[in-house]
Full PDB file with SEQRES, HELIX, SHEET, SSBOND, CRYST1, ORIGX, SCALE, CONECT and MASTER records, all heavy atoms in Angstrom:
SEQRES   1 A   35  LEU GLY ASP ASP LEU ALA ALA THR LEU GLY ALA ASN ILE          
SEQRES   2 A   35  PRO LEU ILE ARG ALA ALA THR ALA VAL ALA VAL ILE LEU          
SEQRES   3 A   35  LEU CYS GLY ALA ALA THR ALA ALA ALA                          
HELIX    1 AA1 ASP A    3  THR A    8  1                                   6    
HELIX    2 AA2 ILE A   13  ALA A   34  1                                  22    
CRYST1    1.000    1.000    1.000  90.00  90.00  90.00 P 1           1          
ORIGX1      1.000000  0.000000  0.000000        0.00000                         
ORIGX2      0.000000  1.000000  0.000000        0.00000                         
ORIGX3      0.000000  0.000000  1.000000        0.00000                         
SCALE1      1.000000  0.000000  0.000000        0.00000                         
SCALE2      0.000000  1.000000  0.000000        0.00000                         
SCALE3      0.000000  0.000000  1.000000        0.00000                         
ATOM      1  N   LEU A   1      24.420  51.051  44.645  1.00  0.00           N  
ATOM      2  CA  LEU A   1      24.663  51.517  43.283  1.00  0.00           C  
ATOM      3  C   LEU A   1      23.427  51.418  42.404  1.00  0.00           C  
ATOM      4  O   LEU A   1      23.431  51.904  41.274  1.00  0.00           O  
ATOM      5  CB  LEU A   1      25.806  50.698  42.655  1.00  0.00           C  
ATOM      6  CG  LEU A   1      27.158  50.771  43.378  1.00  0.00           C  
ATOM      7  CD1 LEU A   1      28.138  49.793  42.752  1.00  0.00           C  
ATOM      8  CD2 LEU A   1      27.713  52.189  43.329  1.00  0.00           C  
ATOM      9  N   GLY A   2      22.376  50.800  42.891  1.00  0.00           N  
ATOM     10  CA  GLY A   2      21.165  50.596  42.104  1.00  0.00           C  
ATOM     11  C   GLY A   2      20.994  49.132  41.768  1.00  0.00           C  
ATOM     12  O   GLY A   2      21.981  48.397  41.602  1.00  0.00           O  
ATOM     13  N   ASP A   3      19.748  48.688  41.665  1.00  0.00           N  
ATOM     14  CA  ASP A   3      19.487  47.264  41.458  1.00  0.00           C  
ATOM     15  C   ASP A   3      20.083  46.743  40.158  1.00  0.00           C  
ATOM     16  O   ASP A   3      20.647  45.642  40.117  1.00  0.00           O  
ATOM     17  CB  ASP A   3      17.972  47.016  41.473  1.00  0.00           C  
ATOM     18  CG  ASP A   3      17.378  47.184  42.866  1.00  0.00           C  
ATOM     19  OD1 ASP A   3      18.159  47.422  43.814  1.00  0.00           O  
ATOM     20  OD2 ASP A   3      16.140  47.090  42.992  1.00  0.00           O  
ATOM     21  N   ASP A   4      19.963  47.512  39.101  1.00  0.00           N  
ATOM     22  CA  ASP A   4      20.446  47.030  37.806  1.00  0.00           C  
ATOM     23  C   ASP A   4      21.958  46.834  37.814  1.00  0.00           C  
ATOM     24  O   ASP A   4      22.473  45.795  37.384  1.00  0.00           O  
ATOM     25  CB  ASP A   4      20.051  48.006  36.692  1.00  0.00           C  
ATOM     26  CG  ASP A   4      18.546  48.039  36.468  1.00  0.00           C  
ATOM     27  OD1 ASP A   4      17.872  47.058  36.857  1.00  0.00           O  
ATOM     28  OD2 ASP A   4      18.044  49.053  35.927  1.00  0.00           O  
ATOM     29  N   LEU A   5      22.677  47.868  38.291  1.00  0.00           N  
ATOM     30  CA  LEU A   5      24.133  47.764  38.323  1.00  0.00           C  
ATOM     31  C   LEU A   5      24.585  46.698  39.304  1.00  0.00           C  
ATOM     32  O   LEU A   5      25.537  45.950  39.040  1.00  0.00           O  
ATOM     33  CB  LEU A   5      24.738  49.121  38.691  1.00  0.00           C  
ATOM     34  CG  LEU A   5      26.269  49.194  38.709  1.00  0.00           C  
ATOM     35  CD1 LEU A   5      26.845  48.734  37.370  1.00  0.00           C  
ATOM     36  CD2 LEU A   5      26.735  50.607  39.036  1.00  0.00           C  
ATOM     37  N   ALA A   6      23.882  46.592  40.445  1.00  0.00           N  
ATOM     38  CA  ALA A   6      24.238  45.569  41.428  1.00  0.00           C  
ATOM     39  C   ALA A   6      24.075  44.174  40.833  1.00  0.00           C  
ATOM     40  O   ALA A   6      24.901  43.279  41.077  1.00  0.00           O  
ATOM     41  CB  ALA A   6      23.379  45.716  42.670  1.00  0.00           C  
ATOM     42  N   ALA A   7      23.011  43.977  40.054  1.00  0.00           N  
ATOM     43  CA  ALA A   7      22.785  42.671  39.431  1.00  0.00           C  
ATOM     44  C   ALA A   7      23.895  42.342  38.426  1.00  0.00           C  
ATOM     45  O   ALA A   7      24.343  41.195  38.340  1.00  0.00           O  
ATOM     46  CB  ALA A   7      21.421  42.650  38.746  1.00  0.00           C  
ATOM     47  N   THR A   8      24.338  43.352  37.675  1.00  0.00           N  
ATOM     48  CA  THR A   8      25.426  43.106  36.720  1.00  0.00           C  
ATOM     49  C   THR A   8      26.733  42.776  37.431  1.00  0.00           C  
ATOM     50  O   THR A   8      27.598  42.113  36.854  1.00  0.00           O  
ATOM     51  CB  THR A   8      25.640  44.331  35.814  1.00  0.00           C  
ATOM     52  OG1 THR A   8      26.028  45.455  36.613  1.00  0.00           O  
ATOM     53  CG2 THR A   8      24.378  44.677  35.047  1.00  0.00           C  
ATOM     54  N   LEU A   9      26.889  43.224  38.670  1.00  0.00           N  
ATOM     55  CA  LEU A   9      28.081  42.919  39.449  1.00  0.00           C  
ATOM     56  C   LEU A   9      27.979  41.566  40.154  1.00  0.00           C  
ATOM     57  O   LEU A   9      28.899  41.163  40.857  1.00  0.00           O  
ATOM     58  CB  LEU A   9      28.326  44.015  40.490  1.00  0.00           C  
ATOM     59  CG  LEU A   9      28.674  45.407  39.940  1.00  0.00           C  
ATOM     60  CD1 LEU A   9      28.745  46.421  41.075  1.00  0.00           C  
ATOM     61  CD2 LEU A   9      29.994  45.356  39.181  1.00  0.00           C  
ATOM     62  N   GLY A  10      26.845  40.887  39.960  1.00  0.00           N  
ATOM     63  CA  GLY A  10      26.686  39.554  40.525  1.00  0.00           C  
ATOM     64  C   GLY A  10      25.954  39.499  41.844  1.00  0.00           C  
ATOM     65  O   GLY A  10      25.882  38.436  42.466  1.00  0.00           O  
ATOM     66  N   ALA A  11      25.387  40.625  42.295  1.00  0.00           N  
ATOM     67  CA  ALA A  11      24.670  40.628  43.568  1.00  0.00           C  
ATOM     68  C   ALA A  11      23.311  39.960  43.411  1.00  0.00           C  
ATOM     69  O   ALA A  11      22.593  40.211  42.439  1.00  0.00           O  
ATOM     70  CB  ALA A  11      24.501  42.060  44.062  1.00  0.00           C  
ATOM     71  N   ASN A  12      22.959  39.135  44.361  1.00  0.00           N  
ATOM     72  CA  ASN A  12      21.646  38.481  44.393  1.00  0.00           C  
ATOM     73  C   ASN A  12      20.697  39.388  45.182  1.00  0.00           C  
ATOM     74  O   ASN A  12      20.613  39.298  46.407  1.00  0.00           O  
ATOM     75  CB  ASN A  12      21.761  37.101  45.036  1.00  0.00           C  
ATOM     76  CG  ASN A  12      20.484  36.294  44.925  1.00  0.00           C  
ATOM     77  OD1 ASN A  12      19.389  36.851  44.863  1.00  0.00           O  
ATOM     78  ND2 ASN A  12      20.623  34.983  44.892  1.00  0.00           N  
ATOM     79  N   ILE A  13      19.989  40.274  44.488  1.00  0.00           N  
ATOM     80  CA  ILE A  13      19.194  41.310  45.147  1.00  0.00           C  
ATOM     81  C   ILE A  13      18.118  40.713  46.055  1.00  0.00           C  
ATOM     82  O   ILE A  13      17.989  41.129  47.219  1.00  0.00           O  
ATOM     83  CB  ILE A  13      18.568  42.255  44.108  1.00  0.00           C  
ATOM     84  CG1 ILE A  13      19.657  42.894  43.234  1.00  0.00           C  
ATOM     85  CG2 ILE A  13      17.760  43.345  44.814  1.00  0.00           C  
ATOM     86  CD1 ILE A  13      20.646  43.718  43.999  1.00  0.00           C  
ATOM     87  N   PRO A  14      17.316  39.747  45.603  1.00  0.00           N  
ATOM     88  CA  PRO A  14      16.298  39.184  46.511  1.00  0.00           C  
ATOM     89  C   PRO A  14      16.901  38.570  47.771  1.00  0.00           C  
ATOM     90  O   PRO A  14      16.359  38.721  48.867  1.00  0.00           O  
ATOM     91  CB  PRO A  14      15.591  38.127  45.645  1.00  0.00           C  
ATOM     92  CG  PRO A  14      15.820  38.580  44.239  1.00  0.00           C  
ATOM     93  CD  PRO A  14      17.186  39.181  44.243  1.00  0.00           C  
ATOM     94  N   LEU A  15      18.023  37.873  47.632  1.00  0.00           N  
ATOM     95  CA  LEU A  15      18.662  37.246  48.793  1.00  0.00           C  
ATOM     96  C   LEU A  15      19.187  38.310  49.754  1.00  0.00           C  
ATOM     97  O   LEU A  15      19.053  38.167  50.983  1.00  0.00           O  
ATOM     98  CB  LEU A  15      19.801  36.338  48.335  1.00  0.00           C  
ATOM     99  CG  LEU A  15      20.563  35.618  49.460  1.00  0.00           C  
ATOM    100  CD1 LEU A  15      19.622  34.728  50.252  1.00  0.00           C  
ATOM    101  CD2 LEU A  15      21.723  34.814  48.880  1.00  0.00           C  
ATOM    102  N   ILE A  16      19.779  39.377  49.211  1.00  0.00           N  
ATOM    103  CA  ILE A  16      20.302  40.452  50.067  1.00  0.00           C  
ATOM    104  C   ILE A  16      19.168  41.112  50.830  1.00  0.00           C  
ATOM    105  O   ILE A  16      19.275  41.379  52.037  1.00  0.00           O  
ATOM    106  CB  ILE A  16      21.066  41.487  49.214  1.00  0.00           C  
ATOM    107  CG1 ILE A  16      22.332  40.860  48.631  1.00  0.00           C  
ATOM    108  CG2 ILE A  16      21.421  42.720  50.049  1.00  0.00           C  
ATOM    109  CD1 ILE A  16      23.027  41.733  47.607  1.00  0.00           C  
ATOM    110  N   ARG A  17      18.066  41.387  50.149  1.00  0.00           N  
ATOM    111  CA  ARG A  17      16.923  42.010  50.817  1.00  0.00           C  
ATOM    112  C   ARG A  17      16.343  41.105  51.891  1.00  0.00           C  
ATOM    113  O   ARG A  17      15.993  41.565  52.986  1.00  0.00           O  
ATOM    114  CB  ARG A  17      15.862  42.368  49.783  1.00  0.00           C  
ATOM    115  CG  ARG A  17      16.241  43.575  48.931  1.00  0.00           C  
ATOM    116  CD  ARG A  17      15.201  43.852  47.886  1.00  0.00           C  
ATOM    117  NE  ARG A  17      15.502  45.104  47.186  1.00  0.00           N  
ATOM    118  CZ  ARG A  17      14.964  45.469  46.030  1.00  0.00           C  
ATOM    119  NH1 ARG A  17      14.085  44.663  45.442  1.00  0.00           N  
ATOM    120  NH2 ARG A  17      15.286  46.610  45.464  1.00  0.00           N  
ATOM    121  N   ALA A  18      16.234  39.823  51.583  1.00  0.00           N  
ATOM    122  CA  ALA A  18      15.686  38.888  52.569  1.00  0.00           C  
ATOM    123  C   ALA A  18      16.603  38.785  53.784  1.00  0.00           C  
ATOM    124  O   ALA A  18      16.133  38.801  54.933  1.00  0.00           O  
ATOM    125  CB  ALA A  18      15.496  37.511  51.931  1.00  0.00           C  
ATOM    126  N   ALA A  19      17.912  38.690  53.556  1.00  0.00           N  
ATOM    127  CA  ALA A  19      18.850  38.600  54.668  1.00  0.00           C  
ATOM    128  C   ALA A  19      18.837  39.873  55.502  1.00  0.00           C  
ATOM    129  O   ALA A  19      18.910  39.823  56.740  1.00  0.00           O  
ATOM    130  CB  ALA A  19      20.264  38.335  54.142  1.00  0.00           C  
ATOM    131  N   THR A  20      18.730  41.027  54.845  1.00  0.00           N  
ATOM    132  CA  THR A  20      18.663  42.292  55.577  1.00  0.00           C  
ATOM    133  C   THR A  20      17.398  42.367  56.410  1.00  0.00           C  
ATOM    134  O   THR A  20      17.423  42.814  57.569  1.00  0.00           O  
ATOM    135  CB  THR A  20      18.723  43.477  54.596  1.00  0.00           C  
ATOM    136  OG1 THR A  20      19.916  43.376  53.798  1.00  0.00           O  
ATOM    137  CG2 THR A  20      18.741  44.804  55.342  1.00  0.00           C  
ATOM    138  N   ALA A  21      16.275  41.940  55.834  1.00  0.00           N  
ATOM    139  CA  ALA A  21      15.017  41.947  56.589  1.00  0.00           C  
ATOM    140  C   ALA A  21      15.103  41.030  57.801  1.00  0.00           C  
ATOM    141  O   ALA A  21      14.644  41.383  58.897  1.00  0.00           O  
ATOM    142  CB  ALA A  21      13.870  41.522  55.677  1.00  0.00           C  
ATOM    143  N   VAL A  22      15.709  39.859  57.640  1.00  0.00           N  
ATOM    144  CA  VAL A  22      15.866  38.939  58.772  1.00  0.00           C  
ATOM    145  C   VAL A  22      16.733  39.569  59.853  1.00  0.00           C  
ATOM    146  O   VAL A  22      16.422  39.494  61.051  1.00  0.00           O  
ATOM    147  CB  VAL A  22      16.472  37.599  58.296  1.00  0.00           C  
ATOM    148  CG1 VAL A  22      16.885  36.740  59.493  1.00  0.00           C  
ATOM    149  CG2 VAL A  22      15.476  36.848  57.435  1.00  0.00           C  
ATOM    150  N   ALA A  23      17.829  40.218  59.443  1.00  0.00           N  
ATOM    151  CA  ALA A  23      18.714  40.860  60.419  1.00  0.00           C  
ATOM    152  C   ALA A  23      17.992  41.966  61.175  1.00  0.00           C  
ATOM    153  O   ALA A  23      18.139  42.092  62.401  1.00  0.00           O  
ATOM    154  CB  ALA A  23      19.947  41.417  59.709  1.00  0.00           C  
ATOM    155  N   VAL A  24      17.213  42.787  60.462  1.00  0.00           N  
ATOM    156  CA  VAL A  24      16.472  43.869  61.121  1.00  0.00           C  
ATOM    157  C   VAL A  24      15.476  43.307  62.128  1.00  0.00           C  
ATOM    158  O   VAL A  24      15.353  43.804  63.258  1.00  0.00           O  
ATOM    159  CB  VAL A  24      15.752  44.745  60.072  1.00  0.00           C  
ATOM    160  CG1 VAL A  24      14.761  45.689  60.744  1.00  0.00           C  
ATOM    161  CG2 VAL A  24      16.766  45.545  59.272  1.00  0.00           C  
ATOM    162  N   ILE A  25      14.762  42.255  61.745  1.00  0.00           N  
ATOM    163  CA  ILE A  25      13.768  41.663  62.650  1.00  0.00           C  
ATOM    164  C   ILE A  25      14.446  41.068  63.882  1.00  0.00           C  
ATOM    165  O   ILE A  25      13.974  41.236  65.016  1.00  0.00           O  
ATOM    166  CB  ILE A  25      12.944  40.605  61.908  1.00  0.00           C  
ATOM    167  CG1 ILE A  25      12.058  41.284  60.851  1.00  0.00           C  
ATOM    168  CG2 ILE A  25      12.096  39.789  62.871  1.00  0.00           C  
ATOM    169  CD1 ILE A  25      11.423  40.321  59.880  1.00  0.00           C  
ATOM    170  N   LEU A  26      15.575  40.380  63.687  1.00  0.00           N  
ATOM    171  CA  LEU A  26      16.301  39.817  64.826  1.00  0.00           C  
ATOM    172  C   LEU A  26      16.771  40.917  65.775  1.00  0.00           C  
ATOM    173  O   LEU A  26      16.600  40.825  67.003  1.00  0.00           O  
ATOM    174  CB  LEU A  26      17.497  39.005  64.338  1.00  0.00           C  
ATOM    175  CG  LEU A  26      17.197  37.659  63.677  1.00  0.00           C  
ATOM    176  CD1 LEU A  26      18.463  37.066  63.080  1.00  0.00           C  
ATOM    177  CD2 LEU A  26      16.600  36.693  64.693  1.00  0.00           C  
ATOM    178  N   LEU A  27      17.362  41.969  65.216  1.00  0.00           N  
ATOM    179  CA  LEU A  27      17.907  43.044  66.044  1.00  0.00           C  
ATOM    180  C   LEU A  27      16.803  43.815  66.762  1.00  0.00           C  
ATOM    181  O   LEU A  27      16.881  44.058  67.972  1.00  0.00           O  
ATOM    182  CB  LEU A  27      18.743  43.991  65.182  1.00  0.00           C  
ATOM    183  CG  LEU A  27      20.027  43.400  64.597  1.00  0.00           C  
ATOM    184  CD1 LEU A  27      20.626  44.344  63.556  1.00  0.00           C  
ATOM    185  CD2 LEU A  27      21.044  43.115  65.693  1.00  0.00           C  
ATOM    186  N   CYS A  28      15.774  44.204  66.009  1.00  0.00           N  
ATOM    187  CA  CYS A  28      14.680  44.991  66.613  1.00  0.00           C  
ATOM    188  C   CYS A  28      13.875  44.156  67.605  1.00  0.00           C  
ATOM    189  O   CYS A  28      13.508  44.647  68.684  1.00  0.00           O  
ATOM    190  CB  CYS A  28      13.758  45.531  65.527  1.00  0.00           C  
ATOM    191  SG  CYS A  28      14.518  46.789  64.493  1.00  0.00           S  
ATOM    192  N   GLY A  29      13.593  42.916  67.241  1.00  0.00           N  
ATOM    193  CA  GLY A  29      12.824  42.075  68.142  1.00  0.00           C  
ATOM    194  C   GLY A  29      13.551  41.822  69.447  1.00  0.00           C  
ATOM    195  O   GLY A  29      12.970  41.931  70.533  1.00  0.00           O  
ATOM    196  N   ALA A  30      14.840  41.511  69.375  1.00  0.00           N  
ATOM    197  CA  ALA A  30      15.610  41.251  70.585  1.00  0.00           C  
ATOM    198  C   ALA A  30      15.762  42.507  71.428  1.00  0.00           C  
ATOM    199  O   ALA A  30      15.613  42.467  72.661  1.00  0.00           O  
ATOM    200  CB  ALA A  30      16.985  40.688  70.216  1.00  0.00           C  
ATOM    201  N   ALA A  31      16.063  43.630  70.786  1.00  0.00           N  
ATOM    202  CA  ALA A  31      16.239  44.878  71.527  1.00  0.00           C  
ATOM    203  C   ALA A  31      14.941  45.309  72.200  1.00  0.00           C  
ATOM    204  O   ALA A  31      14.937  45.749  73.363  1.00  0.00           O  
ATOM    205  CB  ALA A  31      16.733  45.980  70.589  1.00  0.00           C  
ATOM    206  N   THR A  32      13.825  45.186  71.489  1.00  0.00           N  
ATOM    207  CA  THR A  32      12.537  45.587  72.057  1.00  0.00           C  
ATOM    208  C   THR A  32      12.116  44.644  73.181  1.00  0.00           C  
ATOM    209  O   THR A  32      11.586  45.089  74.205  1.00  0.00           O  
ATOM    210  CB  THR A  32      11.453  45.616  70.965  1.00  0.00           C  
ATOM    211  OG1 THR A  32      11.883  46.485  69.911  1.00  0.00           O  
ATOM    212  CG2 THR A  32      10.136  46.131  71.518  1.00  0.00           C  
ATOM    213  N   ALA A  33      12.356  43.360  73.016  1.00  0.00           N  
ATOM    214  CA  ALA A  33      12.022  42.415  74.079  1.00  0.00           C  
ATOM    215  C   ALA A  33      12.825  42.702  75.345  1.00  0.00           C  
ATOM    216  O   ALA A  33      12.315  42.555  76.456  1.00  0.00           O  
ATOM    217  CB  ALA A  33      12.280  40.984  73.605  1.00  0.00           C  
ATOM    218  N   ALA A  34      14.080  43.137  75.182  1.00  0.00           N  
ATOM    219  CA  ALA A  34      14.939  43.369  76.342  1.00  0.00           C  
ATOM    220  C   ALA A  34      14.648  44.683  77.042  1.00  0.00           C  
ATOM    221  O   ALA A  34      14.658  44.755  78.271  1.00  0.00           O  
ATOM    222  CB  ALA A  34      16.407  43.335  75.915  1.00  0.00           C  
ATOM    223  N   ALA A  35      14.412  45.753  76.281  1.00  0.00           N  
ATOM    224  CA  ALA A  35      14.337  47.090  76.883  1.00  0.00           C  
ATOM    225  C   ALA A  35      13.084  47.859  76.526  1.00  0.00           C  
ATOM    226  O   ALA A  35      12.934  49.005  76.963  1.00  0.00           O  
ATOM    227  CB  ALA A  35      15.567  47.910  76.474  1.00  0.00           C  
TER     228      ALA A  35                                                      
MASTER        0    0    0    2    0    0    0    6  227    1    0    3          
END                                                                             
């Protein structure tokens, strides 16, 4: 919905971005290491 509206809804934007980045690195790193 956009950073401003998400923040008004109580979303922690930096935490969400950091968690998403960690998930992407875990998924891509594991998949690439395997195949």
